[in-house]
Structure formats: C-alpha cells, structure tokens
Amino acid sequence: MNKKVISRILLALAAYGIFVVLVVSFYDDSPANMQWEDREAYNRQFISTLKLGEFTFDQAIEKLGSPDITEAKKSKDTNYQVLFYRTQHVKSDGITTQDECTYLLFVNDQLAEYAKAEHYKGLDDVITEYSIKHSLESQVKHLDSIAN
C-alpha cells in the first residue's frame, strides 16, 4: 500500500481518538441537559434499578437531577420527602403533571418506596400508613421480647 494512504489513515484515526477523548472528558450528560424524551427514558431506566433502603435522597438528586415535582413533611421525628420524576409522556401541553411521573418516597433520607404516580395516595396518607406500620412493628418486637 502507498505510504501516503497509510499516513492519512493513521492521521484520521488519531483525529478520531482525540475527538472521542474530548467528548468523554468535556460533555456533560446530566439529566438536566437532556431532551425531554431522553430524560424520560433515562429516568425510567435508572429508577428500575433502584433498591429500597440502599438509595438515598442525596443520591437521587445527584443521579436524577432536580425533581419535576416535590413534596416534603416532617411528622414527629420522621422526615418524609417525595420526589416526582417524569417517566411517561401523557399530554403535549408543556407542563409536567403527576400522572406523567414516577414517585420516589424517602423516609429519613432512605428510599422506602417508588411507583408510578397513579399509585400515590398523598403525603398525609403515606405518613399515616408508615406511622401505623411502625407502631405495629414496635408492638410485635415488644411482644416477641416478652415471649422470649
């Protein structure tokens, strides 16, 4: 093969390599910079990998960016935070609504529950449900300690 052709191929490969390194180093692919279709797909894919109790509120903000809708409330000594991230397109009106989102419920900064927002009952109902559940768990532990 001609030395001129080989040198041009090597030059093209080197230029391509430099381009790849620059893109990987400087391109910010955070969810905030994505088109809405890409962000929905990213949110769906990322949320589907979450494990309850192993994901924190700070990790959610870091990995998913700012939520589209949020709610928070403190009840007694427990913090409840609900983050809604858009995961499905419903209506082209320029507004993100709860029915287009998946919610992530954090209790004391730990992921306790996530589901499509159509299953969300409201923060007051969630707090009531978790308070009853915690109370029942405490009573069971107390009864177990008495029985042993």
Protein backbone atom coordinates (compact mmCIF):
# COMPACT_ATOMS: atom_id res chain seq x y z
CA MET A 1 0.00 0.00 0.00
CA ASN A 2 1.07 3.53 -0.58
CA LYS A 3 2.79 5.25 2.37
CA LYS A 4 0.68 8.36 1.73
CA VAL A 5 -2.58 6.39 2.17
CA ILE A 6 -1.34 4.70 5.34
CA SER A 7 -0.26 8.03 6.84
CA ARG A 8 -3.70 9.54 6.08
CA ILE A 9 -5.47 6.58 7.69
CA LEU A 10 -3.30 6.90 10.80
CA LEU A 11 -3.91 10.66 10.89
CA ALA A 12 -7.69 10.09 10.64
CA LEU A 13 -7.58 7.50 13.44
CA ALA A 14 -5.56 9.84 15.64
CA ALA A 15 -8.02 12.71 15.00
CA TYR A 16 -10.94 10.42 15.81
CA GLY A 17 -9.23 9.28 19.03
CA ILE A 18 -8.66 12.89 20.11
CA PHE A 19 -12.31 13.71 19.33
CA VAL A 20 -13.54 10.77 21.47
CA VAL A 21 -11.30 11.77 24.39
CA LEU A 22 -12.54 15.38 24.22
CA VAL A 23 -16.22 14.34 24.13
CA VAL A 24 -15.84 11.91 27.03
CA SER A 25 -13.89 14.49 29.06
CA PHE A 26 -15.97 17.61 28.48
CA TYR A 27 -19.52 16.58 27.54
CA ASP A 28 -21.89 16.96 30.49
CA ASP A 29 -24.65 14.38 30.06
CA SER A 30 -26.56 15.20 33.22
CA PRO A 31 -30.34 14.71 33.11
CA ALA A 32 -30.88 18.48 33.27
CA ASN A 33 -29.22 18.88 29.86
CA MET A 34 -31.17 16.11 28.12
CA GLN A 35 -34.09 16.50 25.75
CA TRP A 36 -37.35 15.56 27.49
CA GLU A 37 -37.70 12.26 25.61
CA ASP A 38 -34.15 11.23 26.56
CA ARG A 39 -34.66 12.32 30.17
CA GLU A 40 -37.86 10.25 30.47
CA ALA A 41 -36.06 7.17 29.13
CA TYR A 42 -33.09 7.78 31.42
CA ASN A 43 -35.36 8.24 34.46
CA ARG A 44 -37.32 5.05 33.68
CA GLN A 45 -34.17 3.02 33.19
CA PHE A 46 -32.39 4.39 36.27
CA ILE A 47 -35.39 4.10 38.60
CA SER A 48 -35.97 0.49 37.56
CA THR A 49 -32.56 -0.43 39.05
CA LEU A 50 -33.14 1.10 42.50
CA LYS A 51 -33.14 -0.97 45.66
CA LEU A 52 -35.22 0.05 48.65
CA GLY A 53 -33.19 1.12 51.66
CA GLU A 54 -29.98 1.30 49.62
CA PHE A 55 -30.59 4.59 47.80
CA THR A 56 -30.54 7.99 49.49
CA PHE A 57 -32.15 11.33 48.86
CA ASP A 58 -28.75 12.90 48.05
CA GLN A 59 -28.00 10.15 45.53
CA ALA A 60 -31.35 10.81 43.83
CA ILE A 61 -30.55 14.49 43.38
CA GLU A 62 -27.04 13.66 42.16
CA LYS A 63 -28.07 10.93 39.69
CA LEU A 64 -31.50 12.13 38.53
CA GLY A 65 -31.16 15.88 38.93
CA SER A 66 -33.83 18.19 40.26
CA PRO A 67 -37.25 16.56 40.54
CA ASP A 68 -40.13 17.76 38.39
CA ILE A 69 -42.44 17.91 41.43
CA THR A 70 -41.62 17.52 45.11
CA GLU A 71 -43.34 17.27 48.48
CA ALA A 72 -41.90 17.09 51.97
CA LYS A 73 -43.21 16.90 55.52
CA LYS A 74 -41.88 16.18 58.99
CA SER A 75 -44.04 14.16 61.34
CA LYS A 76 -42.78 13.65 64.86
CA ASP A 77 -39.13 12.69 64.36
CA THR A 78 -39.52 11.34 60.83
CA ASN A 79 -38.79 13.21 57.59
CA TYR A 80 -40.87 12.29 54.53
CA GLN A 81 -39.80 13.51 51.10
CA VAL A 82 -41.43 12.62 47.81
CA LEU A 83 -39.68 13.33 44.52
CA PHE A 84 -41.58 13.03 41.24
CA TYR A 85 -39.58 12.38 38.07
CA ARG A 86 -41.16 12.40 34.64
CA THR A 87 -41.12 8.91 33.15
CA GLN A 88 -44.02 8.79 30.68
CA HIS A 89 -45.46 11.31 28.25
CA VAL A 90 -49.20 11.81 28.53
CA LYS A 91 -50.15 15.16 27.02
CA SER A 92 -48.22 17.71 24.96
CA ASP A 93 -49.09 20.81 26.95
CA GLY A 94 -45.63 21.90 28.13
CA ILE A 95 -46.49 21.11 31.75
CA THR A 96 -45.30 18.08 33.72
CA THR A 97 -48.09 16.65 35.84
CA GLN A 98 -48.05 13.88 38.46
CA ASP A 99 -49.67 11.37 36.11
CA GLU A 100 -46.59 11.65 33.87
CA CYS A 101 -44.22 10.84 36.74
CA THR A 102 -42.85 8.10 38.92
CA TYR A 103 -42.53 9.00 42.58
CA LEU A 104 -39.71 8.16 44.97
CA LEU A 105 -40.64 8.23 48.66
CA PHE A 106 -37.79 8.83 51.10
CA VAL A 107 -38.27 8.25 54.81
CA ASN A 108 -35.41 9.79 56.80
CA ASP A 109 -33.40 10.16 53.55
CA GLN A 110 -33.67 6.45 52.63
CA LEU A 111 -35.69 5.21 49.66
CA ALA A 112 -38.74 3.46 51.10
CA GLU A 113 -41.00 3.16 48.06
CA TYR A 114 -41.30 4.03 44.40
CA ALA A 115 -44.05 3.55 41.84
CA LYS A 116 -45.94 5.29 39.08
CA ALA A 117 -47.62 8.38 40.45
CA GLU A 118 -51.07 6.98 39.74
CA HIS A 119 -50.46 4.80 42.84
CA TYR A 120 -49.53 7.80 45.02
CA LYS A 121 -52.11 8.43 47.75
CA GLY A 122 -50.83 11.77 49.03
CA LEU A 123 -48.25 12.58 51.66
CA ASP A 124 -50.68 12.64 54.59
CA ASP A 125 -51.92 9.12 53.74
CA VAL A 126 -48.32 7.92 53.35
CA ILE A 127 -47.40 9.33 56.77
CA THR A 128 -50.45 7.69 58.37
CA GLU A 129 -49.63 4.36 56.71
CA TYR A 130 -45.99 4.45 57.81
CA SER A 131 -46.92 5.54 61.35
CA ILE A 132 -49.32 2.61 61.71
CA LYS A 133 -46.78 0.20 60.23
CA HIS A 134 -44.03 1.46 62.57
CA SER A 135 -46.35 1.23 65.57
CA LEU A 136 -47.32 -2.35 64.70
CA GLU A 137 -43.67 -3.34 64.21
CA SER A 138 -42.82 -1.86 67.63
CA GLN A 139 -45.66 -3.78 69.27
CA VAL A 140 -44.56 -7.05 67.61
CA LYS A 141 -40.97 -6.54 68.80
CA HIS A 142 -42.25 -5.81 72.31
CA LEU A 143 -44.43 -8.93 72.31
CA ASP A 144 -41.51 -11.02 71.00
CA SER A 145 -39.26 -9.73 73.77
CA ILE A 146 -41.90 -10.61 76.38
CA ALA A 147 -42.42 -14.10 74.89
CA ASN A 148 -38.69 -14.87 74.93
